[in-house]
Amino acid sequence: MGRSQQVARRAPDLPPGAGGVGGDKEAAAFASWRRLAAKDHAHHFDTYLERLGLCEHQAVLRLGPARQADRAALPDWADRLPAWIALVCAGDAASGGRDDSNVPFADLFRPLVRAIWDRIARDLDSSLWAAPVRDDVSAGLATHLSALFADSLYGWFDAFRSVRQSHGLPAADEAASASNQIYADFMSWLCSGHLVRLLDQKPVLARFFAISVLQWEQHVVELAQRFEHDRQVIVARFFGGRPPGAVVGLDFGMSDRHRDGRGVVIVRFDSGQPLVYKPPDLGIDVAWATFLQRIQAAGAPGELQTPDMPCRDGYGWTSFVNAESCASLDDVRVFYLRAGALLALFQILGSCDFHQENVITCGSHPIPVDLETLLRPRGRLDGDDRYRRPAISAAVRRMSASVSNRAISRTGIRFAVRDGSGAG
């Protein structure tokens, strides 16, 4: 459904009258997309289009060349893209900031990411944010952009390097120096106008580049503003009323990115005690904690724990769950007892996706930290499936109703204490 996701992203961006031009080529592309995505279930594909608000004709148009509607304003990302490209091409990639040598092509984006942070920092309370935060924000965006451009830049760099090396291979003791020089020359070559050529050849990459920068800036600004606004609540709730000092670090990449590029961030303070920022609404987390309190008050075994989490409007802060191995064999036994209790609750609720990244082992406590799939509607097998594949349908029904080891693969929990990082 990769193509469908592109159409889904593109459809809301096109105002009335701004559709593409649908011809035979676009109709053939639509037919291929439908065949690959829906396979034997055309009605599922029709339902998907309906959810996008598209009929077949409109979908065909969106697969054709786009045209801008008369007098329509450019979206924000398109309006700001030229300035961002200019920053990349005009900046000195070699100066200042953290050493990003382990992130391919991060040097290319360093001038841009520094400028983005400088723009963000103008509106922040400087007493609450230590200097290393700039490096964390910049490195996070540079890493994301590096991954976005990797396929295209690796291909160009390989060709560039082949041409340079065709003039003669250096001696063994000079190979490393020569390789570094080729890389530096490639960065300069890109900034001399070839990055613009790349983005001109790959307009979808240009769009994703601009949207990624815009979303990253909005995500960091939102996090910083929420922290400054909630700081008194945070100090009272998580630090016993004692200020934890300035923020000295932000750990990005702690979750998948959802809702316009937002993700979980670990906030680190001068005091050493971290805090977790979660941009999605934590209503389900609060409901889970309340549910556990009620069943345990009624005598349920297990003593299951949850992180402390004041729920805000559309986001929240939670205590940091430190991964710790069991201290004794008795702790191991208790851990498995509690993990079994969790599995029973997940089975009742129809939960899934509770693998080792979403359940942290904290001593004898397995603690779920990502509850977005805690509640899941019971799947309905399609009538055609029951008729055409009765064995598969029967197997799925049996696995869905079982709490045996086979059901564990449905809920996602895998029991083994390895490195103390999770329950899997």
Protein backbone atom coordinates (compact mmCIF):
# COMPACT_ATOMS: atom_id res chain seq x y z
CA MET A 1 0.00 0.00 0.00
CA GLY A 2 2.99 2.28 -0.36
CA ARG A 3 1.52 4.02 -3.38
CA SER A 4 -1.79 4.42 -1.57
CA GLN A 5 0.00 6.21 1.25
CA GLN A 6 1.47 8.65 -1.25
CA VAL A 7 -2.00 9.33 -2.65
CA ALA A 8 -3.37 9.68 0.87
CA ARG A 9 -0.72 12.30 1.68
CA ARG A 10 -1.18 14.08 -1.61
CA ALA A 11 -4.97 14.25 -1.70
CA PRO A 12 -5.46 16.75 1.17
CA ASP A 13 -2.74 19.03 -0.22
CA LEU A 14 -4.52 19.62 -3.51
CA PRO A 15 -7.20 22.31 -3.43
CA PRO A 16 -10.25 22.04 -5.73
CA GLY A 17 -9.17 22.41 -9.32
CA ALA A 18 -5.57 21.46 -8.59
CA GLY A 19 -5.73 17.81 -9.61
CA GLY A 20 -3.41 16.21 -12.10
CA VAL A 21 -4.07 15.23 -15.69
CA GLY A 22 -5.33 11.66 -15.99
CA GLY A 23 -4.59 9.83 -19.25
CA ASP A 24 -3.86 6.28 -20.34
CA LYS A 25 -0.58 6.21 -18.42
CA GLU A 26 -2.29 7.27 -15.19
CA ALA A 27 -5.15 4.81 -15.73
CA ALA A 28 -2.66 1.98 -16.19
CA ALA A 29 -0.80 3.05 -13.04
CA PHE A 30 -4.07 3.06 -11.11
CA ALA A 31 -4.97 -0.41 -12.36
CA SER A 32 -1.54 -1.73 -11.35
CA TRP A 33 -1.80 -0.06 -7.93
CA ARG A 34 -5.25 -1.54 -7.36
CA ARG A 35 -4.15 -5.01 -8.42
CA LEU A 36 -1.05 -5.05 -6.21
CA ALA A 37 -2.64 -3.44 -3.17
CA ALA A 38 -6.00 -5.21 -3.12
CA LYS A 39 -5.09 -8.57 -4.67
CA ASP A 40 -8.31 -10.61 -4.57
CA HIS A 41 -10.27 -8.15 -2.45
CA ALA A 42 -11.28 -5.24 -4.67
CA HIS A 43 -13.96 -4.10 -2.23
CA HIS A 44 -11.27 -3.44 0.41
CA PHE A 45 -9.52 -1.11 -2.03
CA ASP A 46 -12.79 0.69 -2.84
CA THR A 47 -13.38 1.16 0.90
CA TYR A 48 -9.88 2.62 1.27
CA LEU A 49 -10.50 5.13 -1.52
CA GLU A 50 -13.80 6.06 0.09
CA ARG A 51 -12.02 6.80 3.36
CA LEU A 52 -9.68 9.11 1.45
CA GLY A 53 -12.71 10.89 0.02
CA LEU A 54 -11.81 9.86 -3.52
CA CYS A 55 -13.64 8.18 -6.32
CA GLU A 56 -11.75 6.18 -8.94
CA HIS A 57 -11.60 9.11 -11.38
CA GLN A 58 -10.20 11.46 -8.72
CA ALA A 59 -7.55 8.91 -7.74
CA VAL A 60 -6.47 8.55 -11.37
CA LEU A 61 -6.10 12.32 -11.63
CA ARG A 62 -3.86 12.40 -8.56
CA LEU A 63 -1.52 9.89 -10.14
CA GLY A 64 -0.89 12.29 -13.01
CA PRO A 65 1.27 15.43 -13.14
CA ALA A 66 0.09 17.93 -10.54
CA ARG A 67 -0.87 21.47 -11.47
CA GLN A 68 -1.34 24.41 -9.16
CA ALA A 69 -4.84 25.82 -8.94
CA ASP A 70 -5.36 29.38 -10.11
CA ARG A 71 -4.40 31.94 -7.46
CA ALA A 72 -3.69 29.17 -4.93
CA ALA A 73 -1.01 29.98 -2.36
CA LEU A 74 1.98 27.71 -2.05
CA PRO A 75 2.01 25.47 1.03
CA ASP A 76 4.33 26.57 3.82
CA TRP A 77 6.94 23.89 3.05
CA ALA A 78 7.18 24.93 -0.61
CA ASP A 79 7.44 28.59 0.31
CA ARG A 80 10.39 27.94 2.66
CA LEU A 81 12.20 25.29 0.59
CA PRO A 82 14.40 27.70 -1.48
CA ALA A 83 15.77 29.38 1.66
CA TRP A 84 16.63 26.03 3.22
CA ILE A 85 18.40 24.82 0.08
CA ALA A 86 20.35 28.09 0.02
CA LEU A 87 21.42 27.54 3.64
CA VAL A 88 22.71 24.06 2.82
CA CYS A 89 24.62 25.23 -0.23
CA ALA A 90 26.05 28.44 1.21
CA GLY A 91 27.10 27.27 4.68
CA ASP A 92 30.44 26.00 5.92
CA ALA A 93 29.73 22.33 6.65
CA ALA A 94 33.08 21.79 8.33
CA SER A 95 32.81 24.26 11.17
CA GLY A 96 31.29 23.99 14.63
CA GLY A 97 28.90 21.58 16.30
CA ARG A 98 29.16 17.95 17.30
CA ASP A 99 31.26 15.49 15.31
CA ASP A 100 28.74 13.67 13.11
CA SER A 101 31.32 11.53 11.34
CA ASN A 102 29.29 8.39 12.00
CA VAL A 103 26.24 9.82 10.21
CA PRO A 104 26.79 9.79 6.43
CA PHE A 105 26.31 13.18 4.75
CA ALA A 106 25.37 14.89 8.05
CA ASP A 107 28.06 17.50 7.23
CA LEU A 108 25.95 18.60 4.28
CA PHE A 109 23.03 19.60 6.50
CA ARG A 110 24.98 21.06 9.42
CA PRO A 111 24.55 24.74 8.39
CA LEU A 112 20.80 24.24 8.02
CA VAL A 113 20.26 22.42 11.31
CA ARG A 114 22.32 25.02 13.20
CA ALA A 115 20.16 27.76 11.70
CA ILE A 116 16.98 25.92 12.66
CA TRP A 117 18.10 25.69 16.30
CA ASP A 118 19.17 29.35 16.39
CA ARG A 119 15.72 30.27 15.15
CA ILE A 120 14.06 28.09 17.82
CA ALA A 121 16.31 29.32 20.64
CA ARG A 122 15.38 32.97 20.14
CA ASP A 123 12.03 32.39 21.86
CA LEU A 124 13.24 30.13 24.68
CA ASP A 125 14.22 30.89 28.27
CA SER A 126 17.99 30.44 27.96
CA SER A 127 18.35 29.72 31.68
CA LEU A 128 16.43 26.45 31.24
CA TRP A 129 18.38 25.08 28.25
CA ALA A 130 22.08 24.21 28.41
CA ALA A 131 24.38 24.45 25.39
CA PRO A 132 24.46 20.67 24.61
CA VAL A 133 20.75 20.78 23.75
CA ARG A 134 21.64 22.61 20.54
CA ASP A 135 23.86 19.71 19.49
CA ASP A 136 21.15 17.14 20.29
CA VAL A 137 18.50 18.99 18.29
CA SER A 138 20.88 19.55 15.38
CA ALA A 139 22.16 15.97 15.38
CA GLY A 140 18.63 14.59 15.50
CA LEU A 141 17.53 16.53 12.44
CA ALA A 142 20.78 15.84 10.58
CA THR A 143 20.40 12.11 11.22
CA HIS A 144 16.85 12.13 9.91
CA LEU A 145 17.79 14.08 6.78
CA SER A 146 20.77 11.80 6.19
CA ALA A 147 18.47 8.76 6.17
CA LEU A 148 16.05 10.56 3.87
CA PHE A 149 18.74 11.40 1.31
CA ALA A 150 20.81 8.23 1.74
CA ASP A 151 19.70 6.28 -1.33
CA SER A 152 20.17 9.19 -3.71
CA LEU A 153 23.42 10.51 -2.25
CA TYR A 154 25.05 7.09 -1.98
CA GLY A 155 24.45 6.54 -5.68
CA TRP A 156 25.91 9.90 -6.63
CA PHE A 157 28.85 9.53 -4.23
CA ASP A 158 29.71 6.11 -5.63
CA ALA A 159 29.83 7.55 -9.15
CA PHE A 160 31.80 10.59 -7.97
CA ARG A 161 34.32 8.40 -6.15
CA SER A 162 34.74 6.09 -9.15
CA VAL A 163 35.59 9.01 -11.39
CA ARG A 164 38.12 10.38 -8.90
CA GLN A 165 39.75 7.00 -8.31
CA SER A 166 39.99 6.31 -12.01
CA HIS A 167 42.86 8.81 -12.10
CA GLY A 168 44.95 6.41 -10.02
CA LEU A 169 44.74 4.65 -6.67
CA PRO A 170 46.72 6.13 -3.76
CA ALA A 171 49.30 4.19 -1.80
CA ALA A 172 48.02 2.12 1.11
CA ASP A 173 49.18 4.60 3.75
CA GLU A 174 47.49 7.42 1.85
CA ALA A 175 44.18 5.63 1.20
CA ALA A 176 42.36 6.92 4.29
CA SER A 177 43.44 10.50 3.68
CA ALA A 178 42.47 10.26 0.02
CA SER A 179 39.06 8.82 0.91
CA ASN A 180 38.37 11.68 3.33
CA GLN A 181 39.41 14.18 0.68
CA ILE A 182 37.08 12.61 -1.90
CA TYR A 183 34.21 12.84 0.60
CA ALA A 184 34.99 16.50 1.34
CA ASP A 185 35.20 17.25 -2.38
CA PHE A 186 31.86 15.55 -2.90
CA MET A 187 30.26 17.76 -0.24
CA SER A 188 31.66 20.85 -1.96
CA TRP A 189 30.55 19.56 -5.34
CA LEU A 190 26.98 19.12 -4.07
CA CYS A 191 26.94 22.64 -2.63
CA SER A 192 28.16 24.11 -5.92
CA GLY A 193 24.73 23.57 -7.48
CA HIS A 194 24.41 19.82 -7.84
CA LEU A 195 22.17 19.44 -4.77
CA VAL A 196 19.70 21.75 -6.52
CA ARG A 197 19.96 19.54 -9.59
CA LEU A 198 19.30 16.45 -7.48
CA LEU A 199 16.18 17.95 -5.94
CA ASP A 200 15.04 19.17 -9.35
CA GLN A 201 15.30 15.60 -10.64
CA LYS A 202 13.58 14.21 -7.53
CA PRO A 203 10.74 16.57 -6.58
CA VAL A 204 9.22 14.09 -4.13
CA LEU A 205 12.53 14.04 -2.24
CA ALA A 206 12.50 17.84 -2.24
CA ARG A 207 9.01 17.83 -0.78
CA PHE A 208 9.89 15.30 1.92
CA PHE A 209 13.05 17.28 2.71
CA ALA A 210 11.09 20.48 3.25
CA ILE A 211 8.28 18.83 5.19
CA SER A 212 10.78 17.00 7.41
CA VAL A 213 12.56 20.25 8.34
CA LEU A 214 9.27 22.05 8.95
CA GLN A 215 7.90 19.23 11.09
CA TRP A 216 11.12 18.93 13.07
CA GLU A 217 11.13 22.63 13.89
CA GLN A 218 7.47 22.50 14.93
CA HIS A 219 8.08 19.38 17.04
CA VAL A 220 11.01 20.90 18.96
CA VAL A 221 9.24 24.25 19.44
CA GLU A 222 6.17 22.45 20.75
CA LEU A 223 8.23 20.35 23.15
CA ALA A 224 10.15 23.38 24.47
CA GLN A 225 7.04 25.52 24.91
CA ARG A 226 5.19 22.74 26.69
CA PHE A 227 8.13 22.13 29.02
CA GLU A 228 8.45 25.78 29.95
CA HIS A 229 4.69 26.04 30.47
CA ASP A 230 4.51 22.84 32.59
CA ARG A 231 7.77 23.27 34.47
CA GLN A 232 6.20 23.96 37.86
CA VAL A 233 3.97 20.91 37.56
CA ILE A 234 6.95 18.80 36.45
CA VAL A 235 9.13 19.94 39.36
CA ALA A 236 6.39 19.25 41.89
CA ARG A 237 5.28 15.90 40.43
CA PHE A 238 8.57 14.27 39.45
CA PHE A 239 11.26 16.01 41.49
CA GLY A 240 9.63 16.53 44.88
CA GLY A 241 9.58 20.30 44.48
CA ARG A 242 13.38 20.53 44.01
CA PRO A 243 14.36 22.12 40.67
CA PRO A 244 16.34 19.58 38.58
CA GLY A 245 18.47 22.26 36.94
CA ALA A 246 18.69 23.12 33.28
CA VAL A 247 17.92 20.70 30.47
CA VAL A 248 21.29 19.32 29.36
CA GLY A 249 20.19 16.81 26.74
CA LEU A 250 17.34 15.63 24.51
CA ASP A 251 17.33 12.02 23.28
CA PHE A 252 15.33 11.80 20.07
CA GLY A 253 14.49 8.68 18.10
CA MET A 254 12.97 6.87 21.10
CA SER A 255 9.85 5.88 19.15
CA ASP A 256 8.38 5.82 15.69
CA ARG A 257 7.38 9.22 14.36
CA HIS A 258 3.64 9.86 14.26
CA ARG A 259 1.29 12.82 13.88
CA ASP A 260 3.37 15.05 11.62
CA GLY A 261 6.78 13.81 12.70
CA ARG A 262 6.33 13.86 16.47
CA GLY A 263 8.04 11.27 18.62
CA VAL A 264 8.92 10.36 22.20
CA VAL A 265 11.86 12.34 23.65
CA ILE A 266 13.87 11.69 26.82
CA VAL A 267 14.62 14.98 28.57
CA ARG A 268 17.83 14.93 30.62
CA PHE A 269 18.54 17.41 33.42
CA ASP A 270 21.60 18.69 35.20
CA SER A 271 20.52 16.72 38.28
CA GLY A 272 20.85 13.45 36.37
CA GLN A 273 17.21 12.32 36.65
CA PRO A 274 15.58 12.04 33.22
CA LEU A 275 11.97 12.61 32.19
CA VAL A 276 10.01 11.27 29.22
CA TYR A 277 8.00 13.53 26.92
CA LYS A 278 5.20 11.83 24.96
CA PRO A 279 3.46 13.91 22.31
CA PRO A 280 0.36 11.69 21.90
CA ASP A 281 -2.58 11.98 24.29
CA LEU A 282 -1.99 9.79 27.36
CA GLY A 283 -5.64 9.12 28.12
CA ILE A 284 -5.20 5.41 27.43
CA ASP A 285 -2.20 5.30 29.80
CA VAL A 286 -4.20 6.93 32.59
CA ALA A 287 -7.12 4.57 31.97
CA TRP A 288 -4.75 1.58 32.13
CA ALA A 289 -3.28 2.76 35.44
CA THR A 290 -6.78 3.28 36.88
CA PHE A 291 -7.84 -0.15 35.65
CA LEU A 292 -4.87 -1.82 37.35
CA GLN A 293 -5.54 0.03 40.59
CA ARG A 294 -9.14 -1.14 40.63
CA ILE A 295 -8.50 -4.81 39.90
CA GLN A 296 -5.62 -4.95 42.38
CA ALA A 297 -7.81 -3.31 45.04
CA ALA A 298 -10.32 -6.08 44.33
CA GLY A 299 -7.68 -8.73 45.06
CA ALA A 300 -6.12 -9.46 41.65
CA PRO A 301 -2.60 -10.94 41.95
CA GLY A 302 0.51 -9.52 40.35
CA GLU A 303 1.11 -6.00 41.74
CA LEU A 304 1.54 -4.53 38.26
CA GLN A 305 3.19 -1.11 38.06
CA THR A 306 2.83 1.86 35.72
CA PRO A 307 4.96 4.99 35.29
CA ASP A 308 3.81 8.21 36.92
CA MET A 309 2.15 10.32 34.23
CA PRO A 310 0.34 13.64 34.54
CA CYS A 311 -1.87 13.76 31.44
CA ARG A 312 -2.02 17.12 29.67
CA ASP A 313 -4.20 18.23 26.78
CA GLY A 314 -3.03 16.06 23.86
CA TYR A 315 0.35 15.07 25.34
CA GLY A 316 1.98 14.13 28.61
CA TRP A 317 5.10 13.62 30.73
CA THR A 318 6.00 10.30 32.32
CA SER A 319 8.62 9.12 34.77
CA PHE A 320 11.61 7.40 33.23
CA VAL A 321 11.52 3.60 33.61
CA ASN A 322 15.07 2.42 34.17
CA ALA A 323 15.88 -0.98 32.65
CA GLU A 324 17.21 -3.25 35.38
CA SER A 325 17.82 -7.00 35.51
CA CYS A 326 16.28 -9.15 38.22
CA ALA A 327 18.47 -9.17 41.34
CA SER A 328 17.72 -12.74 42.39
CA LEU A 329 16.08 -15.97 41.37
CA ASP A 330 13.04 -15.02 43.47
CA ASP A 331 12.77 -11.81 41.43
CA VAL A 332 12.84 -13.88 38.24
CA ARG A 333 9.93 -16.02 39.50
CA VAL A 334 7.94 -12.92 40.44
CA PHE A 335 8.77 -11.35 37.09
CA TYR A 336 7.26 -14.29 35.21
CA LEU A 337 4.21 -14.27 37.45
CA ARG A 338 3.60 -10.63 36.65
CA ALA A 339 4.33 -11.17 32.96
CA GLY A 340 1.71 -13.91 32.97
CA ALA A 341 -0.79 -11.55 34.58
CA LEU A 342 -0.04 -8.99 31.87
CA LEU A 343 -0.51 -11.61 29.17
CA ALA A 344 -3.90 -12.57 30.62
CA LEU A 345 -5.02 -8.93 30.63
CA PHE A 346 -3.72 -8.39 27.09
CA GLN A 347 -5.64 -11.47 25.98
CA ILE A 348 -8.88 -10.14 27.50
CA LEU A 349 -8.42 -6.68 25.97
CA GLY A 350 -7.32 -7.96 22.55
CA SER A 351 -3.97 -6.15 22.87
CA CYS A 352 -1.04 -6.58 20.50
CA ASP A 353 2.46 -5.26 19.76
CA PHE A 354 3.82 -5.66 23.29
CA HIS A 355 7.30 -6.76 22.29
CA GLN A 356 10.61 -6.12 24.04
CA GLU A 357 10.77 -2.47 22.94
CA ASN A 358 7.36 -1.68 24.43
CA VAL A 359 7.69 -3.61 27.71
CA ILE A 360 10.66 -2.64 29.91
CA THR A 361 12.06 -4.96 32.54
CA CYS A 362 12.54 -2.95 35.74
CA GLY A 363 13.77 -5.54 38.23
CA SER A 364 10.89 -7.95 38.86
CA HIS A 365 8.39 -5.67 37.13
CA PRO A 366 7.56 -5.89 33.40
CA ILE A 367 6.23 -2.39 32.68
CA PRO A 368 4.41 -1.60 29.41
CA VAL A 369 5.47 1.84 28.17
CA ASP A 370 3.66 2.07 24.81
CA LEU A 371 -0.07 1.41 25.10
CA GLU A 372 -1.34 2.61 21.74
CA THR A 373 -2.41 -0.95 20.83
CA LEU A 374 -3.77 -1.87 24.27
CA LEU A 375 -7.32 -1.97 22.91
CA ARG A 376 -7.93 -3.48 19.53
CA PRO A 377 -11.23 -4.42 17.89
CA ARG A 378 -11.70 -8.12 17.29
CA GLY A 379 -10.86 -8.91 13.68
CA ARG A 380 -13.63 -9.94 11.32
CA LEU A 381 -12.67 -12.55 8.76
CA ASP A 382 -13.96 -11.74 5.32
CA GLY A 383 -16.65 -14.06 3.95
CA ASP A 384 -14.56 -14.84 0.87
CA ASP A 385 -11.69 -15.94 3.15
CA ARG A 386 -13.88 -18.42 5.01
CA TYR A 387 -15.14 -19.81 1.74
CA ARG A 388 -11.84 -20.00 -0.11
CA ARG A 389 -9.39 -20.66 2.75
CA PRO A 390 -11.23 -22.46 5.54
CA ALA A 391 -8.05 -23.93 7.07
CA ILE A 392 -6.42 -20.51 7.46
CA SER A 393 -9.63 -19.04 8.86
CA ALA A 394 -9.92 -21.83 11.43
CA ALA A 395 -6.27 -21.44 12.46
CA VAL A 396 -6.63 -17.68 12.91
CA ARG A 397 -9.76 -18.13 15.04
CA ARG A 398 -8.03 -20.72 17.24
CA MET A 399 -4.91 -18.57 17.74
CA SER A 400 -7.02 -15.51 18.51
CA ALA A 401 -8.93 -17.36 21.25
CA SER A 402 -5.93 -19.10 22.81
CA VAL A 403 -3.62 -18.11 25.67
CA SER A 404 -1.11 -20.76 24.70
CA ASN A 405 2.42 -20.01 23.54
CA ARG A 406 1.06 -19.51 20.04
CA ALA A 407 -1.12 -16.66 21.27
CA ILE A 408 2.01 -14.96 22.59
CA SER A 409 3.00 -14.15 19.01
CA ARG A 410 -0.34 -12.38 18.63
CA THR A 411 0.06 -10.25 21.74
CA GLY A 412 3.75 -9.75 21.07
CA ILE A 413 5.20 -10.64 24.49
CA ARG A 414 8.21 -12.95 24.47
CA PHE A 415 9.45 -14.10 27.84
CA ALA A 416 13.17 -14.07 28.51
CA VAL A 417 15.32 -11.80 30.64
CA ARG A 418 18.30 -11.03 28.43
CA ASP A 419 20.02 -7.73 28.97
CA GLY A 420 17.46 -6.07 31.23
CA SER A 421 16.13 -3.96 28.36
CA GLY A 422 12.72 -5.56 28.03
CA ALA A 423 10.51 -8.57 28.44
CA GLY A 424 11.70 -10.29 25.33
